[in-house]
Amino acid sequence: MPRLRVRLTRKASADLLRLAKFLVDRGAMAAAEKALAAIRKSFDEIAESPQASRQADDFDDPDIRHCRVKFGRYGYVVLYRIYPEESVVLSIKAGLEIDFGDVDLNA
């Protein structure tokens, strides 16, 4: 499968900023930078092998997947949908806040 483009929804972009701000507000600028780098690396993995991640259990659609990002104790979870030409990141959550009830699947 050719490398897919990865696009973030507005919500996913806002999630990324929120997660970084959480660390920065606690004086952990270096951790925020490392967290963002780890999350961005997951985007490369999604682009290379979008089917490699597990189907998201909360959704009936086999094209909705979640990629776990190892970072710290709990890490992050990137929720995305696979399309023929691209993968769209729908949401990014900290490992302890895995509730995707606020995700718009049509974004």
PDB file of N, CA and C in Angstrom:
ATOM      1  N   MET A   1       0.856  -1.180   0.000  1.00  0.00           N
ATOM      2  CA  MET A   1       0.000   0.000   0.000  1.00  0.00           C
ATOM      3  C   MET A   1       0.898   1.239   0.000  1.00  0.00           C
ATOM      4  N   PRO A   2       0.620   2.212  -0.867  1.00  0.00           N
ATOM      5  CA  PRO A   2       1.429   3.433  -0.888  1.00  0.00           C
ATOM      6  C   PRO A   2       1.205   4.267   0.380  1.00  0.00           C
ATOM      7  N   ARG A   3       2.160   5.086   0.686  1.00  0.00           N
ATOM      8  CA  ARG A   3       2.088   5.968   1.853  1.00  0.00           C
ATOM      9  C   ARG A   3       0.900   6.916   1.689  1.00  0.00           C
ATOM     10  N   LEU A   4       0.057   6.966   2.713  1.00  0.00           N
ATOM     11  CA  LEU A   4      -1.103   7.850   2.683  1.00  0.00           C
ATOM     12  C   LEU A   4      -0.775   9.193   3.321  1.00  0.00           C
ATOM     13  N   ARG A   5      -1.448  10.202   2.860  1.00  0.00           N
ATOM     14  CA  ARG A   5      -1.357  11.509   3.497  1.00  0.00           C
ATOM     15  C   ARG A   5      -2.113  11.420   4.822  1.00  0.00           C
ATOM     16  N   VAL A   6      -1.640  12.113   5.843  1.00  0.00           N
ATOM     17  CA  VAL A   6      -2.327  12.169   7.131  1.00  0.00           C
ATOM     18  C   VAL A   6      -2.782  13.610   7.348  1.00  0.00           C
ATOM     19  N   ARG A   7      -4.078  13.751   7.603  1.00  0.00           N
ATOM     20  CA  ARG A   7      -4.668  15.073   7.820  1.00  0.00           C
ATOM     21  C   ARG A   7      -5.321  15.086   9.197  1.00  0.00           C
ATOM     22  N   LEU A   8      -5.212  16.203   9.894  1.00  0.00           N
ATOM     23  CA  LEU A   8      -5.844  16.353  11.199  1.00  0.00           C
ATOM     24  C   LEU A   8      -7.114  17.172  11.073  1.00  0.00           C
ATOM     25  N   THR A   9      -8.163  16.753  11.777  1.00  0.00           N
ATOM     26  CA  THR A   9      -9.370  17.575  11.859  1.00  0.00           C
ATOM     27  C   THR A   9      -9.076  18.752  12.792  1.00  0.00           C
ATOM     28  N   ARG A  10      -9.970  19.716  12.810  1.00  0.00           N
ATOM     29  CA  ARG A  10      -9.811  20.846  13.740  1.00  0.00           C
ATOM     30  C   ARG A  10      -9.764  20.349  15.181  1.00  0.00           C
ATOM     31  N   LYS A  11     -10.612  19.376  15.476  1.00  0.00           N
ATOM     32  CA  LYS A  11     -10.646  18.835  16.830  1.00  0.00           C
ATOM     33  C   LYS A  11      -9.316  18.191  17.190  1.00  0.00           C
ATOM     34  N   ALA A  12      -8.751  17.408  16.286  1.00  0.00           N
ATOM     35  CA  ALA A  12      -7.474  16.752  16.558  1.00  0.00           C
ATOM     36  C   ALA A  12      -6.365  17.792  16.750  1.00  0.00           C
ATOM     37  N   SER A  13      -6.376  18.851  15.948  1.00  0.00           N
ATOM     38  CA  SER A  13      -5.388  19.929  16.118  1.00  0.00           C
ATOM     39  C   SER A  13      -5.554  20.593  17.483  1.00  0.00           C
ATOM     40  N   ALA A  14      -6.810  20.829  17.875  1.00  0.00           N
ATOM     41  CA  ALA A  14      -7.079  21.421  19.187  1.00  0.00           C
ATOM     42  C   ALA A  14      -6.649  20.474  20.306  1.00  0.00           C
ATOM     43  N   ASP A  15      -6.855  19.180  20.113  1.00  0.00           N
ATOM     44  CA  ASP A  15      -6.413  18.187  21.099  1.00  0.00           C
ATOM     45  C   ASP A  15      -4.896  18.248  21.275  1.00  0.00           C
ATOM     46  N   LEU A  16      -4.188  18.344  20.172  1.00  0.00           N
ATOM     47  CA  LEU A  16      -2.730  18.392  20.209  1.00  0.00           C
ATOM     48  C   LEU A  16      -2.255  19.608  21.011  1.00  0.00           C
ATOM     49  N   LEU A  17      -2.858  20.746  20.759  1.00  0.00           N
ATOM     50  CA  LEU A  17      -2.506  21.964  21.510  1.00  0.00           C
ATOM     51  C   LEU A  17      -2.864  21.819  22.987  1.00  0.00           C
ATOM     52  N   ARG A  18      -4.009  21.245  23.268  1.00  0.00           N
ATOM     53  CA  ARG A  18      -4.467  21.077  24.652  1.00  0.00           C
ATOM     54  C   ARG A  18      -3.516  20.177  25.428  1.00  0.00           C
ATOM     55  N   LEU A  19      -3.091  19.078  24.812  1.00  0.00           N
ATOM     56  CA  LEU A  19      -2.191  18.147  25.479  1.00  0.00           C
ATOM     57  C   LEU A  19      -0.830  18.783  25.749  1.00  0.00           C
ATOM     58  N   ALA A  20      -0.330  19.542  24.784  1.00  0.00           N
ATOM     59  CA  ALA A  20       0.948  20.233  24.983  1.00  0.00           C
ATOM     60  C   ALA A  20       0.817  21.305  26.066  1.00  0.00           C
ATOM     61  N   LYS A  21      -0.272  22.056  26.035  1.00  0.00           N
ATOM     62  CA  LYS A  21      -0.494  23.118  27.021  1.00  0.00           C
ATOM     63  C   LYS A  21      -0.569  22.547  28.430  1.00  0.00           C
ATOM     64  N   PHE A  22      -1.168  21.379  28.582  1.00  0.00           N
ATOM     65  CA  PHE A  22      -1.256  20.734  29.884  1.00  0.00           C
ATOM     66  C   PHE A  22       0.138  20.562  30.487  1.00  0.00           C
ATOM     67  N   LEU A  23       1.077  20.081  29.687  1.00  0.00           N
ATOM     68  CA  LEU A  23       2.439  19.878  30.175  1.00  0.00           C
ATOM     69  C   LEU A  23       3.173  21.199  30.384  1.00  0.00           C
ATOM     70  N   VAL A  24       3.023  22.130  29.455  1.00  0.00           N
ATOM     71  CA  VAL A  24       3.689  23.429  29.562  1.00  0.00           C
ATOM     72  C   VAL A  24       3.207  24.169  30.810  1.00  0.00           C
ATOM     73  N   ASP A  25       1.920  24.132  31.084  1.00  0.00           N
ATOM     74  CA  ASP A  25       1.365  24.807  32.262  1.00  0.00           C
ATOM     75  C   ASP A  25       1.922  24.243  33.564  1.00  0.00           C
ATOM     76  N   ARG A  26       2.442  23.045  33.522  1.00  0.00           N
ATOM     77  CA  ARG A  26       3.031  22.424  34.709  1.00  0.00           C
ATOM     78  C   ARG A  26       4.555  22.558  34.717  1.00  0.00           C
ATOM     79  N   GLY A  27       5.061  23.415  33.838  1.00  0.00           N
ATOM     80  CA  GLY A  27       6.495  23.676  33.789  1.00  0.00           C
ATOM     81  C   GLY A  27       7.307  22.590  33.118  1.00  0.00           C
ATOM     82  N   ALA A  28       6.657  21.758  32.325  1.00  0.00           N
ATOM     83  CA  ALA A  28       7.345  20.637  31.682  1.00  0.00           C
ATOM     84  C   ALA A  28       7.471  20.878  30.176  1.00  0.00           C
ATOM     85  N   MET A  29       8.160  21.943  29.809  1.00  0.00           N
ATOM     86  CA  MET A  29       8.310  22.298  28.395  1.00  0.00           C
ATOM     87  C   MET A  29       9.031  21.196  27.610  1.00  0.00           C
ATOM     88  N   ALA A  30      10.091  20.644  28.189  1.00  0.00           N
ATOM     89  CA  ALA A  30      10.833  19.574  27.496  1.00  0.00           C
ATOM     90  C   ALA A  30       9.941  18.350  27.290  1.00  0.00           C
ATOM     91  N   ALA A  31       9.134  18.022  28.294  1.00  0.00           N
ATOM     92  CA  ALA A  31       8.217  16.881  28.159  1.00  0.00           C
ATOM     93  C   ALA A  31       7.175  17.160  27.086  1.00  0.00           C
ATOM     94  N   ALA A  32       6.698  18.395  27.015  1.00  0.00           N
ATOM     95  CA  ALA A  32       5.716  18.760  25.984  1.00  0.00           C
ATOM     96  C   ALA A  32       6.315  18.569  24.596  1.00  0.00           C
ATOM     97  N   GLU A  33       7.542  18.992  24.408  1.00  0.00           N
ATOM     98  CA  GLU A  33       8.206  18.833  23.113  1.00  0.00           C
ATOM     99  C   GLU A  33       8.387  17.361  22.763  1.00  0.00           C
ATOM    100  N   LYS A  34       8.770  16.554  23.749  1.00  0.00           N
ATOM    101  CA  LYS A  34       8.950  15.115  23.507  1.00  0.00           C
ATOM    102  C   LYS A  34       7.615  14.432  23.222  1.00  0.00           C
ATOM    103  N   ALA A  35       6.574  14.852  23.925  1.00  0.00           N
ATOM    104  CA  ALA A  35       5.242  14.275  23.700  1.00  0.00           C
ATOM    105  C   ALA A  35       4.768  14.579  22.281  1.00  0.00           C
ATOM    106  N   LEU A  36       4.930  15.834  21.858  1.00  0.00           N
ATOM    107  CA  LEU A  36       4.524  16.200  20.495  1.00  0.00           C
ATOM    108  C   LEU A  36       5.325  15.426  19.457  1.00  0.00           C
ATOM    109  N   ALA A  37       6.607  15.235  19.704  1.00  0.00           N
ATOM    110  CA  ALA A  37       7.437  14.459  18.772  1.00  0.00           C
ATOM    111  C   ALA A  37       6.957  13.011  18.694  1.00  0.00           C
ATOM    112  N   ALA A  38       6.591  12.428  19.833  1.00  0.00           N
ATOM    113  CA  ALA A  38       6.101  11.041  19.837  1.00  0.00           C
ATOM    114  C   ALA A  38       4.780  10.929  19.093  1.00  0.00           C
ATOM    115  N   ILE A  39       3.907  11.899  19.291  1.00  0.00           N
ATOM    116  CA  ILE A  39       2.612  11.881  18.602  1.00  0.00           C
ATOM    117  C   ILE A  39       2.810  12.064  17.102  1.00  0.00           C
ATOM    118  N   ARG A  40       3.683  12.990  16.722  1.00  0.00           N
ATOM    119  CA  ARG A  40       3.953  13.209  15.294  1.00  0.00           C
ATOM    120  C   ARG A  40       4.571  11.960  14.654  1.00  0.00           C
ATOM    121  N   LYS A  41       5.393  11.242  15.409  1.00  0.00           N
ATOM    122  CA  LYS A  41       5.961   9.997  14.889  1.00  0.00           C
ATOM    123  C   LYS A  41       4.846   8.996  14.589  1.00  0.00           C
ATOM    124  N   SER A  42       3.810   8.987  15.424  1.00  0.00           N
ATOM    125  CA  SER A  42       2.690   8.073  15.167  1.00  0.00           C
ATOM    126  C   SER A  42       1.995   8.432  13.854  1.00  0.00           C
ATOM    127  N   PHE A  43       1.988   9.716  13.480  1.00  0.00           N
ATOM    128  CA  PHE A  43       1.399  10.121  12.200  1.00  0.00           C
ATOM    129  C   PHE A  43       2.171   9.481  11.042  1.00  0.00           C
ATOM    130  N   ASP A  44       3.497   9.416  11.175  1.00  0.00           N
ATOM    131  CA  ASP A  44       4.314   8.755  10.148  1.00  0.00           C
ATOM    132  C   ASP A  44       3.982   7.271  10.063  1.00  0.00           C
ATOM    133  N   GLU A  45       3.783   6.643  11.219  1.00  0.00           N
ATOM    134  CA  GLU A  45       3.430   5.223  11.242  1.00  0.00           C
ATOM    135  C   GLU A  45       2.060   4.995  10.599  1.00  0.00           C
ATOM    136  N   ILE A  46       1.127   5.889  10.863  1.00  0.00           N
ATOM    137  CA  ILE A  46      -0.206   5.793  10.252  1.00  0.00           C
ATOM    138  C   ILE A  46      -0.100   5.956   8.740  1.00  0.00           C
ATOM    139  N   ALA A  47       0.736   6.897   8.300  1.00  0.00           N
ATOM    140  CA  ALA A  47       0.912   7.132   6.860  1.00  0.00           C
ATOM    141  C   ALA A  47       1.498   5.904   6.169  1.00  0.00           C
ATOM    142  N   GLU A  48       2.460   5.258   6.817  1.00  0.00           N
ATOM    143  CA  GLU A  48       3.128   4.090   6.241  1.00  0.00           C
ATOM    144  C   GLU A  48       2.268   2.830   6.271  1.00  0.00           C
ATOM    145  N   SER A  49       1.587   2.604   7.391  1.00  0.00           N
ATOM    146  CA  SER A  49       0.826   1.351   7.578  1.00  0.00           C
ATOM    147  C   SER A  49      -0.477   1.634   8.313  1.00  0.00           C
ATOM    148  N   PRO A  50      -1.437   2.242   7.650  1.00  0.00           N
ATOM    149  CA  PRO A  50      -2.674   2.625   8.344  1.00  0.00           C
ATOM    150  C   PRO A  50      -3.457   1.445   8.906  1.00  0.00           C
ATOM    151  N   GLN A  51      -3.336   0.279   8.296  1.00  0.00           N
ATOM    152  CA  GLN A  51      -4.073  -0.896   8.754  1.00  0.00           C
ATOM    153  C   GLN A  51      -3.407  -1.587   9.947  1.00  0.00           C
ATOM    154  N   ALA A  52      -2.201  -1.163  10.312  1.00  0.00           N
ATOM    155  CA  ALA A  52      -1.450  -1.851  11.365  1.00  0.00           C
ATOM    156  C   ALA A  52      -2.059  -1.659  12.755  1.00  0.00           C
ATOM    157  N   SER A  53      -2.726  -0.569  12.982  1.00  0.00           N
ATOM    158  CA  SER A  53      -3.334  -0.321  14.291  1.00  0.00           C
ATOM    159  C   SER A  53      -4.647  -1.065  14.422  1.00  0.00           C
ATOM    160  N   ARG A  54      -5.052  -1.274  15.669  1.00  0.00           N
ATOM    161  CA  ARG A  54      -6.295  -2.004  15.937  1.00  0.00           C
ATOM    162  C   ARG A  54      -7.525  -1.182  15.585  1.00  0.00           C
ATOM    163  N   GLN A  55      -8.574  -1.899  15.213  1.00  0.00           N
ATOM    164  CA  GLN A  55      -9.869  -1.245  15.011  1.00  0.00           C
ATOM    165  C   GLN A  55     -10.319  -0.700  16.363  1.00  0.00           C
ATOM    166  N   ALA A  56     -10.875   0.488  16.357  1.00  0.00           N
ATOM    167  CA  ALA A  56     -11.363   1.105  17.588  1.00  0.00           C
ATOM    168  C   ALA A  56     -12.617   0.376  18.047  1.00  0.00           C
ATOM    169  N   ASP A  57     -12.584  -0.148  19.254  1.00  0.00           N
ATOM    170  CA  ASP A  57     -13.678  -0.966  19.782  1.00  0.00           C
ATOM    171  C   ASP A  57     -15.001  -0.209  19.901  1.00  0.00           C
ATOM    172  N   ASP A  58     -14.923   1.100  20.113  1.00  0.00           N
ATOM    173  CA  ASP A  58     -16.139   1.889  20.329  1.00  0.00           C
ATOM    174  C   ASP A  58     -16.945   2.146  19.062  1.00  0.00           C
ATOM    175  N   PHE A  59     -16.400   1.771  17.914  1.00  0.00           N
ATOM    176  CA  PHE A  59     -17.047   2.083  16.640  1.00  0.00           C
ATOM    177  C   PHE A  59     -17.194   0.815  15.805  1.00  0.00           C
ATOM    178  N   ASP A  60     -18.264   0.733  15.033  1.00  0.00           N
ATOM    179  CA  ASP A  60     -18.525  -0.433  14.189  1.00  0.00           C
ATOM    180  C   ASP A  60     -17.789  -0.387  12.847  1.00  0.00           C
ATOM    181  N   ASP A  61     -17.138   0.683  12.556  1.00  0.00           N
ATOM    182  CA  ASP A  61     -16.490   0.890  11.268  1.00  0.00           C
ATOM    183  C   ASP A  61     -15.059   0.332  11.304  1.00  0.00           C
ATOM    184  N   PRO A  62     -14.726  -0.644  10.452  1.00  0.00           N
ATOM    185  CA  PRO A  62     -13.371  -1.205  10.462  1.00  0.00           C
ATOM    186  C   PRO A  62     -12.300  -0.219   9.994  1.00  0.00           C
ATOM    187  N   ASP A  63     -12.711   0.891   9.409  1.00  0.00           N
ATOM    188  CA  ASP A  63     -11.746   1.901   8.970  1.00  0.00           C
ATOM    189  C   ASP A  63     -11.421   2.916  10.054  1.00  0.00           C
ATOM    190  N   ILE A  64     -12.058   2.808  11.201  1.00  0.00           N
ATOM    191  CA  ILE A  64     -11.730   3.679  12.328  1.00  0.00           C
ATOM    192  C   ILE A  64     -10.790   2.904  13.238  1.00  0.00           C
ATOM    193  N   ARG A  65      -9.599   3.435  13.390  1.00  0.00           N
ATOM    194  CA  ARG A  65      -8.519   2.748  14.109  1.00  0.00           C
ATOM    195  C   ARG A  65      -7.983   3.637  15.221  1.00  0.00           C
ATOM    196  N   HIS A  66      -7.286   3.010  16.145  1.00  0.00           N
ATOM    197  CA  HIS A  66      -6.591   3.813  17.146  1.00  0.00           C
ATOM    198  C   HIS A  66      -5.156   3.333  17.273  1.00  0.00           C
ATOM    199  N   CYS A  67      -4.285   4.297  17.351  1.00  0.00           N
ATOM    200  CA  CYS A  67      -2.853   4.062  17.445  1.00  0.00           C
ATOM    201  C   CYS A  67      -2.404   4.492  18.835  1.00  0.00           C
ATOM    202  N   ARG A  68      -1.793   3.590  19.563  1.00  0.00           N
ATOM    203  CA  ARG A  68      -1.271   3.922  20.898  1.00  0.00           C
ATOM    204  C   ARG A  68       0.121   4.526  20.744  1.00  0.00           C
ATOM    205  N   VAL A  69       0.335   5.614  21.462  1.00  0.00           N
ATOM    206  CA  VAL A  69       1.617   6.315  21.446  1.00  0.00           C
ATOM    207  C   VAL A  69       2.256   6.123  22.814  1.00  0.00           C
ATOM    208  N   LYS A  70       3.389   5.472  22.849  1.00  0.00           N
ATOM    209  CA  LYS A  70       4.084   5.266  24.118  1.00  0.00           C
ATOM    210  C   LYS A  70       4.752   6.569  24.541  1.00  0.00           C
ATOM    211  N   PHE A  71       4.385   7.003  25.746  1.00  0.00           N
ATOM    212  CA  PHE A  71       5.000   8.197  26.316  1.00  0.00           C
ATOM    213  C   PHE A  71       4.645   8.256  27.793  1.00  0.00           C
ATOM    214  N   GLY A  72       5.631   8.308  28.638  1.00  0.00           N
ATOM    215  CA  GLY A  72       5.358   8.364  30.065  1.00  0.00           C
ATOM    216  C   GLY A  72       4.627   7.117  30.537  1.00  0.00           C
ATOM    217  N   ARG A  73       3.869   7.271  31.591  1.00  0.00           N
ATOM    218  CA  ARG A  73       3.181   6.127  32.187  1.00  0.00           C
ATOM    219  C   ARG A  73       1.981   5.667  31.361  1.00  0.00           C
ATOM    220  N   TYR A  74       1.214   6.611  30.816  1.00  0.00           N
ATOM    221  CA  TYR A  74      -0.053   6.260  30.159  1.00  0.00           C
ATOM    222  C   TYR A  74      -0.073   6.494  28.660  1.00  0.00           C
ATOM    223  N   GLY A  75       0.800   7.326  28.157  1.00  0.00           N
ATOM    224  CA  GLY A  75       0.866   7.578  26.729  1.00  0.00           C
ATOM    225  C   GLY A  75      -0.336   8.334  26.185  1.00  0.00           C
ATOM    226  N   TYR A  76      -0.534   8.189  24.887  1.00  0.00           N
ATOM    227  CA  TYR A  76      -1.609   8.867  24.175  1.00  0.00           C
ATOM    228  C   TYR A  76      -2.283   7.878  23.230  1.00  0.00           C
ATOM    229  N   VAL A  77      -3.467   8.249  22.777  1.00  0.00           N
ATOM    230  CA  VAL A  77      -4.185   7.440  21.797  1.00  0.00           C
ATOM    231  C   VAL A  77      -4.623   8.356  20.658  1.00  0.00           C
ATOM    232  N   VAL A  78      -4.273   7.970  19.444  1.00  0.00           N
ATOM    233  CA  VAL A  78      -4.648   8.722  18.248  1.00  0.00           C
ATOM    234  C   VAL A  78      -5.756   7.947  17.545  1.00  0.00           C
ATOM    235  N   LEU A  79      -6.923   8.556  17.425  1.00  0.00           N
ATOM    236  CA  LEU A  79      -8.059   7.945  16.737  1.00  0.00           C
ATOM    237  C   LEU A  79      -8.097   8.487  15.318  1.00  0.00           C
ATOM    238  N   TYR A  80      -8.178   7.588  14.338  1.00  0.00           N
ATOM    239  CA  TYR A  80      -8.176   8.043  12.946  1.00  0.00           C
ATOM    240  C   TYR A  80      -9.065   7.154  12.088  1.00  0.00           C
ATOM    241  N   ARG A  81      -9.417   7.692  10.945  1.00  0.00           N
ATOM    242  CA  ARG A  81     -10.218   6.960   9.954  1.00  0.00           C
ATOM    243  C   ARG A  81      -9.397   6.853   8.670  1.00  0.00           C
ATOM    244  N   ILE A  82      -9.442   5.668   8.085  1.00  0.00           N
ATOM    245  CA  ILE A  82      -8.710   5.413   6.845  1.00  0.00           C
ATOM    246  C   ILE A  82      -9.647   5.626   5.660  1.00  0.00           C
ATOM    247  N   TYR A  83      -9.185   6.432   4.731  1.00  0.00           N
ATOM    248  CA  TYR A  83      -9.868   6.638   3.450  1.00  0.00           C
ATOM    249  C   TYR A  83      -8.924   6.151   2.348  1.00  0.00           C
ATOM    250  N   PRO A  84      -9.407   5.968   1.130  1.00  0.00           N
ATOM    251  CA  PRO A  84      -8.528   5.481   0.061  1.00  0.00           C
ATOM    252  C   PRO A  84      -7.305   6.363  -0.195  1.00  0.00           C
ATOM    253  N   GLU A  85      -7.446   7.672  -0.059  1.00  0.00           N
ATOM    254  CA  GLU A  85      -6.355   8.591  -0.395  1.00  0.00           C
ATOM    255  C   GLU A  85      -5.629   9.167   0.814  1.00  0.00           C
ATOM    256  N   GLU A  86      -6.222   9.046   2.007  1.00  0.00           N
ATOM    257  CA  GLU A  86      -5.634   9.667   3.183  1.00  0.00           C
ATOM    258  C   GLU A  86      -6.168   9.012   4.462  1.00  0.00           C
ATOM    259  N   SER A  87      -5.469   9.269   5.543  1.00  0.00           N
ATOM    260  CA  SER A  87      -5.965   8.921   6.872  1.00  0.00           C
ATOM    261  C   SER A  87      -6.252  10.231   7.587  1.00  0.00           C
ATOM    262  N   VAL A  88      -7.392  10.296   8.247  1.00  0.00           N
ATOM    263  CA  VAL A  88      -7.803  11.525   8.922  1.00  0.00           C
ATOM    264  C   VAL A  88      -7.787  11.289  10.422  1.00  0.00           C
ATOM    265  N   VAL A  89      -6.964  12.057  11.130  1.00  0.00           N
ATOM    266  CA  VAL A  89      -6.903  11.968  12.583  1.00  0.00           C
ATOM    267  C   VAL A  89      -8.114  12.710  13.135  1.00  0.00           C
ATOM    268  N   LEU A  90      -8.926  11.973  13.882  1.00  0.00           N
ATOM    269  CA  LEU A  90     -10.174  12.514  14.410  1.00  0.00           C
ATOM    270  C   LEU A  90     -10.005  13.100  15.806  1.00  0.00           C
ATOM    271  N   SER A  91      -9.133  12.483  16.599  1.00  0.00           N
ATOM    272  CA  SER A  91      -8.962  12.919  17.981  1.00  0.00           C
ATOM    273  C   SER A  91      -7.658  12.368  18.535  1.00  0.00           C
ATOM    274  N   ILE A  92      -7.114  13.082  19.513  1.00  0.00           N
ATOM    275  CA  ILE A  92      -5.917  12.632  20.217  1.00  0.00           C
ATOM    276  C   ILE A  92      -6.202  12.808  21.704  1.00  0.00           C
ATOM    277  N   LYS A  93      -6.045  11.745  22.449  1.00  0.00           N
ATOM    278  CA  LYS A  93      -6.354  11.772  23.879  1.00  0.00           C
ATOM    279  C   LYS A  93      -5.162  11.288  24.683  1.00  0.00           C
ATOM    280  N   ALA A  94      -5.075  11.761  25.922  1.00  0.00           N
ATOM    281  CA  ALA A  94      -4.124  11.192  26.867  1.00  0.00           C
ATOM    282  C   ALA A  94      -4.637   9.807  27.237  1.00  0.00           C
ATOM    283  N   GLY A  95      -3.737   8.920  27.597  1.00  0.00           N
ATOM    284  CA  GLY A  95      -4.105   7.537  27.881  1.00  0.00           C
ATOM    285  C   GLY A  95      -5.178   7.366  28.938  1.00  0.00           C
ATOM    286  N   LEU A  96      -5.252   8.290  29.884  1.00  0.00           N
ATOM    287  CA  LEU A  96      -6.251   8.180  30.951  1.00  0.00           C
ATOM    288  C   LEU A  96      -7.610   8.743  30.571  1.00  0.00           C
ATOM    289  N   GLU A  97      -7.700   9.438  29.470  1.00  0.00           N
ATOM    290  CA  GLU A  97      -8.973  10.057  29.093  1.00  0.00           C
ATOM    291  C   GLU A  97      -9.583   9.413  27.855  1.00  0.00           C
ATOM    292  N   ILE A  98      -9.436   8.128  27.717  1.00  0.00           N
ATOM    293  CA  ILE A  98      -9.918   7.450  26.512  1.00  0.00           C
ATOM    294  C   ILE A  98     -11.437   7.365  26.514  1.00  0.00           C
ATOM    295  N   ASP A  99     -12.042   8.423  26.040  1.00  0.00           N
ATOM    296  CA  ASP A  99     -13.489   8.492  25.837  1.00  0.00           C
ATOM    297  C   ASP A  99     -13.657   9.302  24.559  1.00  0.00           C
ATOM    298  N   PHE A 100     -14.078   8.653  23.504  1.00  0.00           N
ATOM    299  CA  PHE A 100     -14.189   9.320  22.219  1.00  0.00           C
ATOM    300  C   PHE A 100     -15.615   9.737  21.903  1.00  0.00           C
ATOM    301  N   GLY A 101     -16.433   9.950  22.934  1.00  0.00           N
ATOM    302  CA  GLY A 101     -17.824  10.343  22.738  1.00  0.00           C
ATOM    303  C   GLY A 101     -17.981  11.708  22.098  1.00  0.00           C
ATOM    304  N   ASP A 102     -16.938  12.525  22.127  1.00  0.00           N
ATOM    305  CA  ASP A 102     -17.003  13.874  21.565  1.00  0.00           C
ATOM    306  C   ASP A 102     -16.477  13.956  20.133  1.00  0.00           C
ATOM    307  N   VAL A 103     -16.251  12.822  19.499  1.00  0.00           N
ATOM    308  CA  VAL A 103     -15.655  12.789  18.165  1.00  0.00           C
ATOM    309  C   VAL A 103     -16.732  12.820  17.096  1.00  0.00           C
ATOM    310  N   ASP A 104     -16.527  13.708  16.108  1.00  0.00           N
ATOM    311  CA  ASP A 104     -17.408  13.780  14.947  1.00  0.00           C
ATOM    312  C   ASP A 104     -16.835  12.867  13.871  1.00  0.00           C
ATOM    313  N   LEU A 105     -17.479  11.771  13.599  1.00  0.00           N
ATOM    314  CA  LEU A 105     -16.976  10.798  12.628  1.00  0.00           C
ATOM    315  C   LEU A 105     -17.084  11.287  11.193  1.00  0.00           C
ATOM    316  N   ASN A 106     -17.789  12.354  10.968  1.00  0.00           N
ATOM    317  CA  ASN A 106     -17.967  12.884   9.608  1.00  0.00           C
ATOM    318  C   ASN A 106     -17.028  14.064   9.326  1.00  0.00           C
ATOM    319  N   ALA A 107     -16.086  14.292  10.196  1.00  0.00           N
ATOM    320  CA  ALA A 107     -15.187  15.437  10.017  1.00  0.00           C
ATOM    321  C   ALA A 107     -14.217  15.214   8.891  1.00  0.00           C
TER     322      ALA A 107
END
